[in-house]
């Protein structure tokens, strides 16, 4: 696991996500970035809340970790 991934997982856990939810949450967040890479943090949170992630409030640093995680996956083809 890369440093980005481990930091991201720790931050998501601190925000109240269970490890079993990490992949689903990251997938949903990543899809929003793919749809519109210029999406702001407020809108990102609104989109995630409509997908059922009401209890999670994404902050700037965690959102940037998700972007880095997503970009690393695309780069490596995972």
Protein backbone atom coordinates (compact mmCIF):
# COMPACT_ATOMS: atom_id res chain seq x y z
CA UNK A 1 0.00 0.00 0.00
CA UNK A 2 1.37 3.38 -0.95
CA UNK A 3 1.77 6.27 1.44
CA UNK A 4 -1.09 8.08 -0.34
CA UNK A 5 -3.40 5.09 0.12
CA UNK A 6 -2.53 4.54 3.76
CA UNK A 7 -3.00 8.23 4.57
CA UNK A 8 -6.31 8.28 2.68
CA UNK A 9 -7.56 5.16 4.48
CA UNK A 10 -6.60 6.63 7.87
CA UNK A 11 -8.42 9.92 7.11
CA UNK A 12 -11.54 8.08 5.92
CA UNK A 13 -11.49 5.94 9.06
CA UNK A 14 -11.15 9.08 11.20
CA UNK A 15 -14.21 10.49 9.42
CA UNK A 16 -16.23 7.43 10.49
CA UNK A 17 -16.04 5.11 7.49
CA UNK A 18 -15.60 1.40 8.08
CA UNK A 19 -12.81 -0.27 6.09
CA UNK A 20 -15.43 -2.18 4.09
CA UNK A 21 -16.82 1.17 2.86
CA UNK A 22 -13.51 2.68 1.65
CA UNK A 23 -13.60 1.28 -1.87
CA UNK A 24 -17.24 2.28 -2.46
CA UNK A 25 -16.72 5.78 -1.12
CA UNK A 26 -13.55 6.35 -3.16
CA UNK A 27 -15.29 5.04 -6.27
CA UNK A 28 -18.24 7.39 -5.81
CA UNK A 29 -15.98 10.36 -5.12
CA UNK A 30 -13.73 9.53 -8.08
CA UNK A 31 -16.69 9.33 -10.44
CA UNK A 32 -17.58 12.89 -9.51
CA UNK A 33 -14.08 14.04 -10.41
CA UNK A 34 -14.27 12.20 -13.73
CA UNK A 35 -17.62 13.83 -14.49
CA UNK A 36 -16.26 17.31 -13.77
CA UNK A 37 -12.64 17.82 -12.69
CA UNK A 38 -13.46 21.42 -11.73
CA UNK A 39 -16.09 20.43 -9.17
CA UNK A 40 -15.73 22.34 -5.90
CA UNK A 41 -15.62 20.81 -2.46
CA UNK A 42 -19.10 22.03 -1.51
CA UNK A 43 -20.62 20.55 -4.65
CA UNK A 44 -18.62 17.35 -4.19
CA UNK A 45 -20.09 16.93 -0.72
CA UNK A 46 -23.60 17.61 -2.03
CA UNK A 47 -23.16 14.98 -4.74
CA UNK A 48 -21.83 12.44 -2.26
CA UNK A 49 -24.70 13.18 0.13
CA UNK A 50 -27.22 12.48 -2.64
CA UNK A 51 -25.49 9.13 -3.16
CA UNK A 52 -26.09 8.21 0.49
CA UNK A 53 -22.85 9.43 2.11
CA UNK A 54 -24.61 12.01 4.33
CA UNK A 55 -22.51 11.29 7.39
CA UNK A 56 -19.24 12.09 5.60
CA UNK A 57 -18.08 15.65 5.05
CA UNK A 58 -15.12 15.68 2.71
CA UNK A 59 -12.39 18.21 3.52
CA UNK A 60 -9.85 19.67 1.11
CA UNK A 61 -6.94 17.41 2.08
CA UNK A 62 -8.95 14.20 1.90
CA UNK A 63 -10.38 15.22 -1.47
CA UNK A 64 -6.86 15.79 -2.78
CA UNK A 65 -5.80 12.36 -1.52
CA UNK A 66 -8.72 10.84 -3.41
CA UNK A 67 -7.63 12.64 -6.58
CA UNK A 68 -4.03 11.43 -6.10
CA UNK A 69 -5.26 7.89 -5.43
CA UNK A 70 -7.43 7.97 -8.54
CA UNK A 71 -4.62 9.36 -10.72
CA UNK A 72 -2.17 6.77 -9.42
CA UNK A 73 -4.60 3.97 -10.29
CA UNK A 74 -5.05 5.31 -13.81
CA UNK A 75 -1.28 5.64 -14.21
CA UNK A 76 -0.58 2.08 -13.09
CA UNK A 77 -3.66 0.62 -14.76
CA UNK A 78 -4.99 -0.94 -11.53
